[in-house]
Amino acid sequence: MTRRRPRFRVVVEPLRPSVTPAEIAQLFQPLEVRSVIVSQQCGRFKATVALYTQLDMEFACLRNNTMYAGYQLHVYPVCHDAPTEPMVPATAAPAIPPASTPAPRNLYVLNLPLEVTTVQLEKLFAAYGTVRHCVILSMLDGQARRRGFVDMDTAREAHDAMQHLQGRVWCGYPLEVSYARVQRSAADATHGPCSRIVISGLLPCATIDADDVRALVTPYAAVAHIDWVEPRANDETFAAQVTLVDAHDAERVVRALDGHTIVGQHLHVAYSITD
């Protein structure tokens, strides 16, 4: 009996020859990875990553054009009943989505210099347009890299900044610039429906302030507000109540984070009973 291949898979290439499946699985955290197969073809190393859901596959593809171990990754989905060929050329530049989808202006910047300031980051991106908002997260990711978000004034400016700064070495650090998974606007923040979730299992040594909590949630949903939950006596962990801009995003956050271990924190995410 032929074993059926997983339905939701992505291919990641090129990779360094010494890469391990565990390192590739770490690259896609906090997504739940079913399996990783590393192979070699025509002298190039690549990995096929099997995921559990289509949503996870879509999130995994957002790693496309990011830098990893000195390589600019090409990440693309593979249909379970089709040959493993890329949907777009590996050298293709990220394209602005068609007019029928929201124009992305919010950029995710990874591997920032450890000593850089928000003012310096804003100045770097201001060379390609008007920066509406800029923030650097205080919590490093699982690979001890510093991260931030930059909101440009228009989708064109965001696209130009990403094209020019992706892979650029800044103060000795190769930047990884991509579209943020959630695009926000002022209208979203004031008029959108809200839903509350509670994230528990947070550790004082890993989650210091509201920006750290926001860093956990922002890849999956826009955050409107964060409140701290009063800890119980002798608790080593604490919790935060997060109000989301869009109620429809709550399920996505719960599915993405609940039960996952991130930066040593075993998280439990649930809907707030006060919502």
C-alpha atoms as a PDB file:
ATOM      1  CA  MET A   1       0.000   0.000   0.000  1.00  0.00           C
ATOM      2  CA  THR A   2       1.467   3.373  -1.011  1.00  0.00           C
ATOM      3  CA  ARG A   3       1.812   5.822   1.825  1.00  0.00           C
ATOM      4  CA  ARG A   4       0.107   9.119   1.024  1.00  0.00           C
ATOM      5  CA  ARG A   5       2.294  12.192   1.224  1.00  0.00           C
ATOM      6  CA  PRO A   6       1.245  15.061   3.541  1.00  0.00           C
ATOM      7  CA  ARG A   7      -1.164  17.453   1.882  1.00  0.00           C
ATOM      8  CA  PHE A   8       0.375  20.725   3.085  1.00  0.00           C
ATOM      9  CA  ARG A   9       4.057  21.044   2.232  1.00  0.00           C
ATOM     10  CA  VAL A  10       6.553  23.779   1.407  1.00  0.00           C
ATOM     11  CA  VAL A  11       9.995  23.589  -0.158  1.00  0.00           C
ATOM     12  CA  VAL A  12      12.848  25.664   1.276  1.00  0.00           C
ATOM     13  CA  GLU A  13      15.965  26.375  -0.778  1.00  0.00           C
ATOM     14  CA  PRO A  14      18.880  26.973  -1.060  1.00  0.00           C
ATOM     15  CA  LEU A  15      20.335  25.678   2.210  1.00  0.00           C
ATOM     16  CA  ARG A  16      23.845  25.157   3.513  1.00  0.00           C
ATOM     17  CA  PRO A  17      25.088  21.540   3.181  1.00  0.00           C
ATOM     18  CA  SER A  18      25.319  20.978   6.944  1.00  0.00           C
ATOM     19  CA  VAL A  19      21.737  22.002   7.754  1.00  0.00           C
ATOM     20  CA  THR A  20      19.712  19.597   9.909  1.00  0.00           C
ATOM     21  CA  PRO A  21      15.953  18.899   9.940  1.00  0.00           C
ATOM     22  CA  ALA A  22      15.784  20.216  13.522  1.00  0.00           C
ATOM     23  CA  GLU A  23      17.232  23.562  12.418  1.00  0.00           C
ATOM     24  CA  ILE A  24      14.652  23.851   9.640  1.00  0.00           C
ATOM     25  CA  ALA A  25      11.827  23.038  12.066  1.00  0.00           C
ATOM     26  CA  GLN A  26      13.164  25.759  14.393  1.00  0.00           C
ATOM     27  CA  LEU A  27      13.124  28.221  11.495  1.00  0.00           C
ATOM     28  CA  PHE A  28       9.332  27.894  11.194  1.00  0.00           C
ATOM     29  CA  GLN A  29       8.434  28.219  14.897  1.00  0.00           C
ATOM     30  CA  PRO A  30       5.823  28.599  16.298  1.00  0.00           C
ATOM     31  CA  LEU A  31       4.202  26.616  13.471  1.00  0.00           C
ATOM     32  CA  GLU A  32       3.742  22.903  14.153  1.00  0.00           C
ATOM     33  CA  VAL A  33       5.914  20.951  11.726  1.00  0.00           C
ATOM     34  CA  ARG A  34       4.996  17.343  10.872  1.00  0.00           C
ATOM     35  CA  SER A  35       8.293  16.381   9.244  1.00  0.00           C
ATOM     36  CA  VAL A  36      11.343  17.759   7.466  1.00  0.00           C
ATOM     37  CA  ILE A  37      13.208  16.005   4.655  1.00  0.00           C
ATOM     38  CA  VAL A  38      16.532  17.476   3.513  1.00  0.00           C
ATOM     39  CA  SER A  39      17.665  16.494   0.007  1.00  0.00           C
ATOM     40  CA  GLN A  40      20.257  17.421  -2.598  1.00  0.00           C
ATOM     41  CA  GLN A  41      19.593  18.087  -6.266  1.00  0.00           C
ATOM     42  CA  CYS A  42      22.152  19.344  -8.803  1.00  0.00           C
ATOM     43  CA  GLY A  43      24.475  20.348  -6.002  1.00  0.00           C
ATOM     44  CA  ARG A  44      21.824  22.439  -4.186  1.00  0.00           C
ATOM     45  CA  PHE A  45      20.429  21.483  -0.824  1.00  0.00           C
ATOM     46  CA  LYS A  46      16.746  21.961  -0.058  1.00  0.00           C
ATOM     47  CA  ALA A  47      14.180  20.853   2.500  1.00  0.00           C
ATOM     48  CA  THR A  48      10.596  19.708   2.137  1.00  0.00           C
ATOM     49  CA  VAL A  49       8.572  20.694   5.199  1.00  0.00           C
ATOM     50  CA  ALA A  50       5.238  19.026   5.943  1.00  0.00           C
ATOM     51  CA  LEU A  51       2.679  21.035   7.940  1.00  0.00           C
ATOM     52  CA  TYR A  52      -0.722  20.240   9.421  1.00  0.00           C
ATOM     53  CA  THR A  53      -2.972  22.931   7.936  1.00  0.00           C
ATOM     54  CA  GLN A  54      -3.263  25.185   4.925  1.00  0.00           C
ATOM     55  CA  LEU A  55      -3.027  28.203   7.235  1.00  0.00           C
ATOM     56  CA  ASP A  56       0.323  26.956   8.552  1.00  0.00           C
ATOM     57  CA  MET A  57       1.491  26.481   4.965  1.00  0.00           C
ATOM     58  CA  GLU A  58       0.533  30.078   4.134  1.00  0.00           C
ATOM     59  CA  PHE A  59       2.380  31.367   7.197  1.00  0.00           C
ATOM     60  CA  ALA A  60       5.445  29.304   6.284  1.00  0.00           C
ATOM     61  CA  CYS A  61       5.535  30.887   2.825  1.00  0.00           C
ATOM     62  CA  LEU A  62       5.888  34.299   4.480  1.00  0.00           C
ATOM     63  CA  ARG A  63       9.506  33.317   5.168  1.00  0.00           C
ATOM     64  CA  ASN A  64      10.141  33.671   1.423  1.00  0.00           C
ATOM     65  CA  ASN A  65      13.048  35.994   0.576  1.00  0.00           C
ATOM     66  CA  THR A  66      14.305  36.107   4.173  1.00  0.00           C
ATOM     67  CA  MET A  67      17.961  35.503   5.044  1.00  0.00           C
ATOM     68  CA  TYR A  68      19.037  32.345   6.880  1.00  0.00           C
ATOM     69  CA  ALA A  69      22.647  31.344   7.577  1.00  0.00           C
ATOM     70  CA  GLY A  70      23.853  33.611   4.784  1.00  0.00           C
ATOM     71  CA  TYR A  71      21.363  32.333   2.186  1.00  0.00           C
ATOM     72  CA  GLN A  72      18.339  34.173   0.803  1.00  0.00           C
ATOM     73  CA  LEU A  73      15.599  31.590   1.140  1.00  0.00           C
ATOM     74  CA  HIS A  74      13.009  30.729  -1.475  1.00  0.00           C
ATOM     75  CA  VAL A  75       9.955  29.200   0.227  1.00  0.00           C
ATOM     76  CA  TYR A  76       7.061  28.000  -1.894  1.00  0.00           C
ATOM     77  CA  PRO A  77       4.097  25.642  -1.460  1.00  0.00           C
ATOM     78  CA  VAL A  78       3.861  22.237  -3.088  1.00  0.00           C
ATOM     79  CA  CYS A  79       0.584  20.569  -4.003  1.00  0.00           C
ATOM     80  CA  HIS A  80       0.354  16.968  -2.815  1.00  0.00           C
ATOM     81  CA  ASP A  81      -0.581  15.779  -6.290  1.00  0.00           C
ATOM     82  CA  ALA A  82       1.789  17.946  -8.326  1.00  0.00           C
ATOM     83  CA  PRO A  83       5.548  17.883  -9.023  1.00  0.00           C
ATOM     84  CA  THR A  84       7.711  19.902  -6.659  1.00  0.00           C
ATOM     85  CA  GLU A  85       8.276  22.933  -8.864  1.00  0.00           C
ATOM     86  CA  PRO A  86       8.305  26.533  -7.635  1.00  0.00           C
ATOM     87  CA  MET A  87       5.223  28.599  -8.329  1.00  0.00           C
ATOM     88  CA  VAL A  88       7.378  31.655  -9.059  1.00  0.00           C
ATOM     89  CA  PRO A  89      11.034  31.993 -10.112  1.00  0.00           C
ATOM     90  CA  ALA A  90      13.486  31.990  -7.207  1.00  0.00           C
ATOM     91  CA  THR A  91      14.863  35.353  -8.323  1.00  0.00           C
ATOM     92  CA  ALA A  92      11.491  37.070  -8.536  1.00  0.00           C
ATOM     93  CA  ALA A  93      11.110  40.154  -6.322  1.00  0.00           C
ATOM     94  CA  PRO A  94       8.231  40.284  -3.839  1.00  0.00           C
ATOM     95  CA  ALA A  95       5.238  41.739  -5.639  1.00  0.00           C
ATOM     96  CA  ILE A  96       2.585  44.055  -4.307  1.00  0.00           C
ATOM     97  CA  PRO A  97      -0.704  42.126  -4.031  1.00  0.00           C
ATOM     98  CA  PRO A  98      -3.452  43.013  -6.518  1.00  0.00           C
ATOM     99  CA  ALA A  99      -5.830  45.878  -5.834  1.00  0.00           C
ATOM    100  CA  SER A 100      -8.504  43.461  -4.594  1.00  0.00           C
ATOM    101  CA  THR A 101      -6.438  42.797  -1.444  1.00  0.00           C
ATOM    102  CA  PRO A 102      -5.395  45.345   1.224  1.00  0.00           C
ATOM    103  CA  ALA A 103      -2.251  47.222   0.164  1.00  0.00           C
ATOM    104  CA  PRO A 104       0.530  46.185   2.583  1.00  0.00           C
ATOM    105  CA  ARG A 105       2.439  48.977   4.292  1.00  0.00           C
ATOM    106  CA  ASN A 106       3.650  47.265   7.463  1.00  0.00           C
ATOM    107  CA  LEU A 107       7.112  45.666   7.279  1.00  0.00           C
ATOM    108  CA  TYR A 108       8.716  43.109   9.589  1.00  0.00           C
ATOM    109  CA  VAL A 109      12.462  43.679  10.067  1.00  0.00           C
ATOM    110  CA  LEU A 110      14.585  40.845  11.480  1.00  0.00           C
ATOM    111  CA  ASN A 111      18.244  40.654  12.555  1.00  0.00           C
ATOM    112  CA  LEU A 112      18.589  44.278  13.616  1.00  0.00           C
ATOM    113  CA  PRO A 113      21.881  45.416  15.187  1.00  0.00           C
ATOM    114  CA  LEU A 114      21.641  44.955  18.940  1.00  0.00           C
ATOM    115  CA  GLU A 115      22.529  48.569  19.763  1.00  0.00           C
ATOM    116  CA  VAL A 116      20.413  50.306  17.119  1.00  0.00           C
ATOM    117  CA  THR A 117      17.756  52.805  18.202  1.00  0.00           C
ATOM    118  CA  THR A 118      14.251  53.430  16.880  1.00  0.00           C
ATOM    119  CA  VAL A 119      15.414  56.801  15.551  1.00  0.00           C
ATOM    120  CA  GLN A 120      18.192  55.141  13.548  1.00  0.00           C
ATOM    121  CA  LEU A 121      15.811  52.511  12.167  1.00  0.00           C
ATOM    122  CA  GLU A 122      13.305  55.173  11.121  1.00  0.00           C
ATOM    123  CA  LYS A 123      16.069  57.151   9.384  1.00  0.00           C
ATOM    124  CA  LEU A 124      17.156  54.055   7.461  1.00  0.00           C
ATOM    125  CA  PHE A 125      13.648  53.463   6.063  1.00  0.00           C
ATOM    126  CA  ALA A 126      12.922  57.169   5.550  1.00  0.00           C
ATOM    127  CA  ALA A 127      15.267  57.069   2.548  1.00  0.00           C
ATOM    128  CA  TYR A 128      12.469  55.218   0.687  1.00  0.00           C
ATOM    129  CA  GLY A 129       9.415  57.186   1.843  1.00  0.00           C
ATOM    130  CA  THR A 130       7.533  58.477   4.859  1.00  0.00           C
ATOM    131  CA  VAL A 131       7.672  56.339   8.005  1.00  0.00           C
ATOM    132  CA  ARG A 132       4.345  56.482   9.881  1.00  0.00           C
ATOM    133  CA  HIS A 133       5.402  54.356  12.821  1.00  0.00           C
ATOM    134  CA  CYS A 134       8.493  52.441  13.878  1.00  0.00           C
ATOM    135  CA  VAL A 135       9.044  50.111  16.839  1.00  0.00           C
ATOM    136  CA  ILE A 136      11.838  47.789  17.992  1.00  0.00           C
ATOM    137  CA  LEU A 137      10.755  44.824  20.127  1.00  0.00           C
ATOM    138  CA  SER A 138      12.605  44.303  23.389  1.00  0.00           C
ATOM    139  CA  MET A 139      12.366  40.501  23.255  1.00  0.00           C
ATOM    140  CA  LEU A 140      14.745  38.620  20.936  1.00  0.00           C
ATOM    141  CA  ASP A 141      13.477  35.708  18.849  1.00  0.00           C
ATOM    142  CA  GLY A 142      14.450  32.048  19.371  1.00  0.00           C
ATOM    143  CA  GLN A 143      17.750  32.612  17.567  1.00  0.00           C
ATOM    144  CA  ALA A 144      18.642  35.696  19.657  1.00  0.00           C
ATOM    145  CA  ARG A 145      17.874  38.108  16.823  1.00  0.00           C
ATOM    146  CA  ARG A 146      16.458  41.589  17.357  1.00  0.00           C
ATOM    147  CA  ARG A 147      13.231  42.494  15.536  1.00  0.00           C
ATOM    148  CA  GLY A 148      11.059  45.448  14.697  1.00  0.00           C
ATOM    149  CA  PHE A 149       8.126  46.749  12.663  1.00  0.00           C
ATOM    150  CA  VAL A 150       8.082  49.709  10.278  1.00  0.00           C
ATOM    151  CA  ASP A 151       4.836  51.210   8.900  1.00  0.00           C
ATOM    152  CA  MET A 152       5.398  53.103   5.647  1.00  0.00           C
ATOM    153  CA  ASP A 153       2.971  55.706   4.287  1.00  0.00           C
ATOM    154  CA  THR A 154       2.122  53.819   1.077  1.00  0.00           C
ATOM    155  CA  ALA A 155       2.337  50.289  -0.289  1.00  0.00           C
ATOM    156  CA  ARG A 156       4.757  51.456  -2.994  1.00  0.00           C
ATOM    157  CA  GLU A 157       7.130  52.923  -0.410  1.00  0.00           C
ATOM    158  CA  ALA A 158       6.951  49.731   1.633  1.00  0.00           C
ATOM    159  CA  HIS A 159       7.733  47.651  -1.454  1.00  0.00           C
ATOM    160  CA  ASP A 160      10.668  49.901  -2.431  1.00  0.00           C
ATOM    161  CA  ALA A 161      12.103  49.795   1.097  1.00  0.00           C
ATOM    162  CA  MET A 162      11.838  46.006   1.190  1.00  0.00           C
ATOM    163  CA  GLN A 163      13.516  45.611  -2.198  1.00  0.00           C
ATOM    164  CA  HIS A 164      16.423  47.887  -1.280  1.00  0.00           C
ATOM    165  CA  LEU A 165      16.985  46.773   2.328  1.00  0.00           C
ATOM    166  CA  GLN A 166      16.357  43.009   2.168  1.00  0.00           C
ATOM    167  CA  GLY A 167      19.759  41.372   2.647  1.00  0.00           C
ATOM    168  CA  ARG A 168      21.566  44.685   3.179  1.00  0.00           C
ATOM    169  CA  VAL A 169      24.335  44.516   5.774  1.00  0.00           C
ATOM    170  CA  TRP A 170      23.725  47.259   8.346  1.00  0.00           C
ATOM    171  CA  CYS A 171      26.285  47.757  11.131  1.00  0.00           C
ATOM    172  CA  GLY A 172      27.506  44.232  10.470  1.00  0.00           C
ATOM    173  CA  TYR A 173      24.058  42.589  10.468  1.00  0.00           C
ATOM    174  CA  PRO A 174      22.346  41.319   7.275  1.00  0.00           C
ATOM    175  CA  LEU A 175      18.767  42.597   7.471  1.00  0.00           C
ATOM    176  CA  GLU A 176      15.744  40.413   6.719  1.00  0.00           C
ATOM    177  CA  VAL A 177      12.813  42.561   5.576  1.00  0.00           C
ATOM    178  CA  SER A 178       9.400  41.131   4.673  1.00  0.00           C
ATOM    179  CA  TYR A 179       5.731  42.081   4.792  1.00  0.00           C
ATOM    180  CA  ALA A 180       4.260  41.738   8.281  1.00  0.00           C
ATOM    181  CA  ARG A 181       1.636  38.995   8.447  1.00  0.00           C
ATOM    182  CA  VAL A 182      -1.020  41.451   9.597  1.00  0.00           C
ATOM    183  CA  GLN A 183      -1.422  44.843   7.920  1.00  0.00           C
ATOM    184  CA  ARG A 184      -2.867  47.504  10.174  1.00  0.00           C
ATOM    185  CA  SER A 185      -4.421  50.899   9.601  1.00  0.00           C
ATOM    186  CA  ALA A 186      -5.758  53.690  11.778  1.00  0.00           C
ATOM    187  CA  ALA A 187      -9.312  52.724  10.802  1.00  0.00           C
ATOM    188  CA  ASP A 188      -8.710  49.156  12.010  1.00  0.00           C
ATOM    189  CA  ALA A 189      -7.572  50.368  15.400  1.00  0.00           C
ATOM    190  CA  THR A 190     -10.617  52.550  16.042  1.00  0.00           C
ATOM    191  CA  HIS A 191     -13.543  50.898  14.300  1.00  0.00           C
ATOM    192  CA  GLY A 192     -12.799  47.171  14.160  1.00  0.00           C
ATOM    193  CA  PRO A 193     -14.558  44.712  16.465  1.00  0.00           C
ATOM    194  CA  CYS A 194     -12.433  43.435  19.357  1.00  0.00           C
ATOM    195  CA  SER A 195     -12.005  40.053  20.941  1.00  0.00           C
ATOM    196  CA  ARG A 196      -9.976  39.203  24.034  1.00  0.00           C
ATOM    197  CA  ILE A 197      -7.675  36.266  24.632  1.00  0.00           C
ATOM    198  CA  VAL A 198      -5.563  35.344  27.652  1.00  0.00           C
ATOM    199  CA  ILE A 199      -1.975  34.181  27.252  1.00  0.00           C
ATOM    200  CA  SER A 200      -0.644  32.370  30.323  1.00  0.00           C
ATOM    201  CA  GLY A 201       2.644  30.623  31.037  1.00  0.00           C
ATOM    202  CA  LEU A 202       4.704  33.786  30.560  1.00  0.00           C
ATOM    203  CA  LEU A 203       8.066  33.931  32.346  1.00  0.00           C
ATOM    204  CA  PRO A 204       9.554  37.131  33.829  1.00  0.00           C
ATOM    205  CA  CYS A 205      12.949  36.322  32.307  1.00  0.00           C
ATOM    206  CA  ALA A 206      11.525  36.046  28.767  1.00  0.00           C
ATOM    207  CA  THR A 207       8.547  38.432  28.696  1.00  0.00           C
ATOM    208  CA  ILE A 208       9.390  41.784  30.227  1.00  0.00           C
ATOM    209  CA  ASP A 209       6.796  44.238  28.978  1.00  0.00           C
ATOM    210  CA  ALA A 210       3.783  44.715  26.688  1.00  0.00           C
ATOM    211  CA  ASP A 211       6.009  44.908  23.607  1.00  0.00           C
ATOM    212  CA  ASP A 212       7.148  41.343  24.271  1.00  0.00           C
ATOM    213  CA  VAL A 213       3.546  40.124  24.428  1.00  0.00           C
ATOM    214  CA  ARG A 214       2.759  42.082  21.284  1.00  0.00           C
ATOM    215  CA  ALA A 215       5.679  40.359  19.547  1.00  0.00           C
ATOM    216  CA  LEU A 216       4.083  36.968  20.212  1.00  0.00           C
ATOM    217  CA  VAL A 217       0.692  37.942  18.812  1.00  0.00           C
ATOM    218  CA  THR A 218       1.460  40.414  15.997  1.00  0.00           C
ATOM    219  CA  PRO A 219       2.469  37.794  13.403  1.00  0.00           C
ATOM    220  CA  TYR A 220      -1.118  36.482  13.574  1.00  0.00           C
ATOM    221  CA  ALA A 221      -3.320  39.436  14.555  1.00  0.00           C
ATOM    222  CA  ALA A 222      -3.346  43.180  15.148  1.00  0.00           C
ATOM    223  CA  VAL A 223      -3.277  44.077  18.849  1.00  0.00           C
ATOM    224  CA  ALA A 224      -5.474  46.862  20.217  1.00  0.00           C
ATOM    225  CA  HIS A 225      -4.591  46.685  23.914  1.00  0.00           C
ATOM    226  CA  ILE A 226      -2.739  44.563  26.492  1.00  0.00           C
ATOM    227  CA  ASP A 227      -3.656  44.183  30.178  1.00  0.00           C
ATOM    228  CA  TRP A 228      -1.800  42.234  32.834  1.00  0.00           C
ATOM    229  CA  VAL A 229      -3.655  39.537  34.774  1.00  0.00           C
ATOM    230  CA  GLU A 230      -3.132  39.578  38.561  1.00  0.00           C
ATOM    231  CA  PRO A 231      -0.907  36.562  39.350  1.00  0.00           C
ATOM    232  CA  ARG A 232      -1.832  34.040  41.995  1.00  0.00           C
ATOM    233  CA  ALA A 233       0.353  33.584  45.065  1.00  0.00           C
ATOM    234  CA  ASN A 234       3.530  31.531  44.472  1.00  0.00           C
ATOM    235  CA  ASP A 235       2.989  31.456  40.692  1.00  0.00           C
ATOM    236  CA  GLU A 236       6.265  31.317  38.767  1.00  0.00           C
ATOM    237  CA  THR A 237       4.523  32.407  35.561  1.00  0.00           C
ATOM    238  CA  PHE A 238       2.070  35.189  34.777  1.00  0.00           C
ATOM    239  CA  ALA A 239      -0.578  36.007  32.176  1.00  0.00           C
ATOM    240  CA  ALA A 240      -1.690  38.821  29.903  1.00  0.00           C
ATOM    241  CA  GLN A 241      -5.103  39.643  28.476  1.00  0.00           C
ATOM    242  CA  VAL A 242      -4.817  40.755  24.847  1.00  0.00           C
ATOM    243  CA  THR A 243      -7.554  42.709  23.083  1.00  0.00           C
ATOM    244  CA  LEU A 244      -7.449  42.119  19.329  1.00  0.00           C
ATOM    245  CA  VAL A 245      -8.562  44.553  16.659  1.00  0.00           C
ATOM    246  CA  ASP A 246     -10.484  41.929  14.695  1.00  0.00           C
ATOM    247  CA  ALA A 247     -12.538  39.273  16.499  1.00  0.00           C
ATOM    248  CA  HIS A 248     -12.019  36.881  13.588  1.00  0.00           C
ATOM    249  CA  ASP A 249      -8.286  36.753  14.360  1.00  0.00           C
ATOM    250  CA  ALA A 250      -8.737  35.310  17.847  1.00  0.00           C
ATOM    251  CA  GLU A 251      -9.094  31.733  16.620  1.00  0.00           C
ATOM    252  CA  ARG A 252      -5.959  32.119  14.508  1.00  0.00           C
ATOM    253  CA  VAL A 253      -3.907  33.262  17.516  1.00  0.00           C
ATOM    254  CA  VAL A 254      -5.195  30.445  19.713  1.00  0.00           C
ATOM    255  CA  ARG A 255      -4.391  27.837  17.053  1.00  0.00           C
ATOM    256  CA  ALA A 256      -0.932  29.275  16.404  1.00  0.00           C
ATOM    257  CA  LEU A 257       0.287  29.751  19.989  1.00  0.00           C
ATOM    258  CA  ASP A 258      -1.666  27.479  22.345  1.00  0.00           C
ATOM    259  CA  GLY A 259       0.488  24.626  23.620  1.00  0.00           C
ATOM    260  CA  HIS A 260       3.692  25.864  21.975  1.00  0.00           C
ATOM    261  CA  THR A 261       6.973  26.468  23.789  1.00  0.00           C
ATOM    262  CA  ILE A 262       8.522  29.807  22.797  1.00  0.00           C
ATOM    263  CA  VAL A 263      11.703  31.168  24.374  1.00  0.00           C
ATOM    264  CA  GLY A 264      11.349  28.600  27.165  1.00  0.00           C
ATOM    265  CA  GLN A 265       7.730  29.533  27.846  1.00  0.00           C
ATOM    266  CA  HIS A 266       5.077  26.829  27.534  1.00  0.00           C
ATOM    267  CA  LEU A 267       2.119  28.953  26.495  1.00  0.00           C
ATOM    268  CA  HIS A 268      -1.578  28.391  27.070  1.00  0.00           C
ATOM    269  CA  VAL A 269      -3.839  30.633  25.018  1.00  0.00           C
ATOM    270  CA  ALA A 270      -7.611  30.755  25.481  1.00  0.00           C
ATOM    271  CA  TYR A 271     -10.558  33.038  24.905  1.00  0.00           C
ATOM    272  CA  SER A 272     -11.139  35.466  27.771  1.00  0.00           C
ATOM    273  CA  ILE A 273     -14.294  34.816  29.757  1.00  0.00           C
ATOM    274  CA  THR A 274     -14.681  38.585  30.165  1.00  0.00           C
ATOM    275  CA  ASP A 275     -14.977  39.163  26.380  1.00  0.00           C
END
